[in-house]
Amino acid sequence: MRKLFAALLALLCLCQAHAGPAPYWRWESKVDGRLICAQVSPGEGWRRFNGPFNNARCRDHL
């Protein structure tokens, strides 16, 4: 039983090791058109404008 648990734990660790960072997106405000760069939506008043990007300045496309 311990070997099975150790094997499952090792498999879980290997899967996590291959995960990459989330992409950044440029978001546009529906109210005043302001643009921001974020990995997740800032809220309901924003829509995805451009992306994905590989940095927080929203300059280099993936």
N, C-alpha and C. Protein backbone atom coordinates (compact mmCIF):
# COMPACT_ATOMS: atom_id res chain seq x y z
N MET A 1 0.82 -1.19 0.00
CA MET A 1 0.00 0.00 0.00
C MET A 1 0.87 1.26 0.00
N ARG A 2 1.98 1.23 0.74
CA ARG A 2 2.86 2.38 0.78
C ARG A 2 3.51 2.63 -0.58
N LYS A 3 3.85 1.55 -1.28
CA LYS A 3 4.46 1.70 -2.59
C LYS A 3 3.48 2.33 -3.58
N LEU A 4 2.23 1.93 -3.50
CA LEU A 4 1.21 2.50 -4.37
C LEU A 4 1.04 3.99 -4.09
N PHE A 5 0.98 4.35 -2.82
CA PHE A 5 0.86 5.75 -2.43
C PHE A 5 2.07 6.56 -2.91
N ALA A 6 3.26 6.02 -2.75
CA ALA A 6 4.48 6.69 -3.19
C ALA A 6 4.49 6.86 -4.70
N ALA A 7 4.03 5.85 -5.43
CA ALA A 7 3.99 5.93 -6.89
C ALA A 7 2.99 6.99 -7.34
N LEU A 8 1.84 7.06 -6.71
CA LEU A 8 0.84 8.07 -7.06
C LEU A 8 1.34 9.47 -6.74
N LEU A 9 2.00 9.61 -5.62
CA LEU A 9 2.57 10.91 -5.24
C LEU A 9 3.64 11.35 -6.24
N ALA A 10 4.50 10.43 -6.65
CA ALA A 10 5.54 10.73 -7.64
C ALA A 10 4.91 11.13 -8.97
N LEU A 11 3.86 10.45 -9.39
CA LEU A 11 3.17 10.78 -10.64
C LEU A 11 2.55 12.17 -10.56
N LEU A 12 1.97 12.48 -9.43
CA LEU A 12 1.39 13.81 -9.25
C LEU A 12 2.46 14.89 -9.33
N CYS A 13 3.58 14.66 -8.72
CA CYS A 13 4.68 15.64 -8.76
C CYS A 13 5.20 15.82 -10.18
N LEU A 14 5.29 14.76 -10.94
CA LEU A 14 5.77 14.85 -12.33
C LEU A 14 4.81 15.65 -13.18
N CYS A 15 3.52 15.46 -12.95
CA CYS A 15 2.51 16.20 -13.74
C CYS A 15 2.59 17.69 -13.43
N GLN A 16 2.81 18.05 -12.20
CA GLN A 16 2.89 19.44 -11.81
C GLN A 16 4.16 20.10 -12.34
N ALA A 17 5.22 19.35 -12.49
CA ALA A 17 6.50 19.90 -12.93
C ALA A 17 6.44 20.39 -14.38
N HIS A 18 5.52 19.89 -15.18
CA HIS A 18 5.44 20.26 -16.59
C HIS A 18 4.47 21.41 -16.84
N ALA A 19 3.82 21.90 -15.81
CA ALA A 19 2.87 23.00 -15.98
C ALA A 19 3.63 24.29 -16.24
N GLY A 20 3.10 25.10 -17.13
CA GLY A 20 3.72 26.38 -17.45
C GLY A 20 2.91 27.53 -16.89
N PRO A 21 3.41 28.74 -16.99
CA PRO A 21 2.68 29.90 -16.50
C PRO A 21 1.47 30.20 -17.38
N ALA A 22 0.47 30.80 -16.78
CA ALA A 22 -0.72 31.18 -17.53
C ALA A 22 -0.38 32.34 -18.46
N PRO A 23 -0.99 32.41 -19.63
CA PRO A 23 -0.71 33.53 -20.53
C PRO A 23 -1.34 34.83 -20.03
N TYR A 24 -0.80 35.94 -20.46
CA TYR A 24 -1.35 37.26 -20.15
C TYR A 24 -2.23 37.71 -21.30
N TRP A 25 -3.24 38.50 -20.99
CA TRP A 25 -4.16 39.02 -21.98
C TRP A 25 -4.29 40.53 -21.79
N ARG A 26 -4.53 41.24 -22.86
CA ARG A 26 -4.84 42.66 -22.76
C ARG A 26 -6.36 42.76 -22.66
N TRP A 27 -6.82 43.45 -21.63
CA TRP A 27 -8.25 43.60 -21.34
C TRP A 27 -8.67 45.05 -21.58
N GLU A 28 -9.86 45.23 -22.16
CA GLU A 28 -10.39 46.56 -22.44
C GLU A 28 -11.62 46.81 -21.57
N SER A 29 -11.68 48.00 -20.96
CA SER A 29 -12.83 48.36 -20.15
C SER A 29 -14.02 48.64 -21.06
N LYS A 30 -15.18 48.11 -20.70
CA LYS A 30 -16.41 48.37 -21.47
C LYS A 30 -16.94 49.77 -21.19
N VAL A 31 -16.48 50.39 -20.11
CA VAL A 31 -16.96 51.72 -19.72
C VAL A 31 -16.20 52.84 -20.42
N ASP A 32 -14.86 52.83 -20.30
CA ASP A 32 -14.10 53.95 -20.84
C ASP A 32 -12.99 53.56 -21.82
N GLY A 33 -12.88 52.27 -22.16
CA GLY A 33 -11.92 51.83 -23.15
C GLY A 33 -10.49 51.70 -22.66
N ARG A 34 -10.25 51.86 -21.34
CA ARG A 34 -8.89 51.69 -20.81
C ARG A 34 -8.39 50.28 -21.07
N LEU A 35 -7.09 50.12 -21.23
CA LEU A 35 -6.48 48.82 -21.47
C LEU A 35 -5.57 48.46 -20.30
N ILE A 36 -5.66 47.21 -19.85
CA ILE A 36 -4.75 46.70 -18.83
C ILE A 36 -4.27 45.33 -19.27
N CYS A 37 -3.21 44.85 -18.65
CA CYS A 37 -2.65 43.54 -18.95
C CYS A 37 -2.78 42.67 -17.71
N ALA A 38 -3.41 41.49 -17.83
CA ALA A 38 -3.61 40.60 -16.68
C ALA A 38 -3.77 39.17 -17.17
N GLN A 39 -3.53 38.23 -16.25
CA GLN A 39 -3.69 36.81 -16.59
C GLN A 39 -5.14 36.36 -16.49
N VAL A 40 -5.91 37.01 -15.64
CA VAL A 40 -7.32 36.65 -15.45
C VAL A 40 -8.18 37.89 -15.66
N SER A 41 -9.45 37.69 -15.90
CA SER A 41 -10.36 38.79 -16.12
C SER A 41 -10.48 39.66 -14.87
N PRO A 42 -10.38 40.99 -15.03
CA PRO A 42 -10.52 41.87 -13.87
C PRO A 42 -11.97 42.02 -13.40
N GLY A 43 -12.92 41.50 -14.14
CA GLY A 43 -14.32 41.58 -13.72
C GLY A 43 -15.26 41.60 -14.91
N GLU A 44 -16.54 41.80 -14.61
CA GLU A 44 -17.56 41.76 -15.66
C GLU A 44 -17.50 42.96 -16.60
N GLY A 45 -16.94 44.08 -16.16
CA GLY A 45 -16.89 45.28 -16.98
C GLY A 45 -15.73 45.31 -17.95
N TRP A 46 -15.08 44.16 -18.16
CA TRP A 46 -13.92 44.09 -19.04
C TRP A 46 -14.11 42.99 -20.07
N ARG A 47 -13.53 43.18 -21.25
CA ARG A 47 -13.54 42.14 -22.28
C ARG A 47 -12.12 41.93 -22.79
N ARG A 48 -11.85 40.72 -23.22
CA ARG A 48 -10.52 40.37 -23.74
C ARG A 48 -10.31 41.13 -25.04
N PHE A 49 -9.22 41.87 -25.13
CA PHE A 49 -8.96 42.74 -26.26
C PHE A 49 -7.91 42.17 -27.21
N ASN A 50 -6.83 41.57 -26.63
CA ASN A 50 -5.73 41.09 -27.46
C ASN A 50 -4.92 40.07 -26.67
N GLY A 51 -4.23 39.19 -27.36
CA GLY A 51 -3.37 38.24 -26.68
C GLY A 51 -3.45 36.88 -27.34
N PRO A 52 -2.86 35.88 -26.77
CA PRO A 52 -2.15 35.84 -25.49
C PRO A 52 -0.71 36.35 -25.63
N PHE A 53 -0.17 36.80 -24.49
CA PHE A 53 1.19 37.29 -24.40
C PHE A 53 1.97 36.45 -23.39
N ASN A 54 3.29 36.52 -23.46
CA ASN A 54 4.11 35.72 -22.54
C ASN A 54 4.73 36.53 -21.41
N ASN A 55 4.32 37.82 -21.26
CA ASN A 55 4.86 38.62 -20.17
C ASN A 55 3.80 39.60 -19.67
N ALA A 56 4.06 40.21 -18.52
CA ALA A 56 3.09 41.08 -17.86
C ALA A 56 2.99 42.47 -18.50
N ARG A 57 3.82 42.76 -19.48
CA ARG A 57 3.72 44.03 -20.19
C ARG A 57 2.89 43.90 -21.46
N CYS A 58 2.44 42.69 -21.75
CA CYS A 58 1.63 42.42 -22.95
C CYS A 58 2.32 42.91 -24.22
N ARG A 59 3.59 42.50 -24.38
CA ARG A 59 4.36 42.92 -25.54
C ARG A 59 4.74 41.78 -26.46
N ASP A 60 5.09 40.61 -25.92
CA ASP A 60 5.55 39.51 -26.75
C ASP A 60 4.47 38.44 -26.86
N HIS A 61 3.98 38.20 -28.07
CA HIS A 61 2.96 37.18 -28.29
C HIS A 61 3.53 35.79 -28.09
N LEU A 62 2.67 34.89 -27.67
CA LEU A 62 3.07 33.48 -27.55
C LEU A 62 3.15 32.85 -28.93
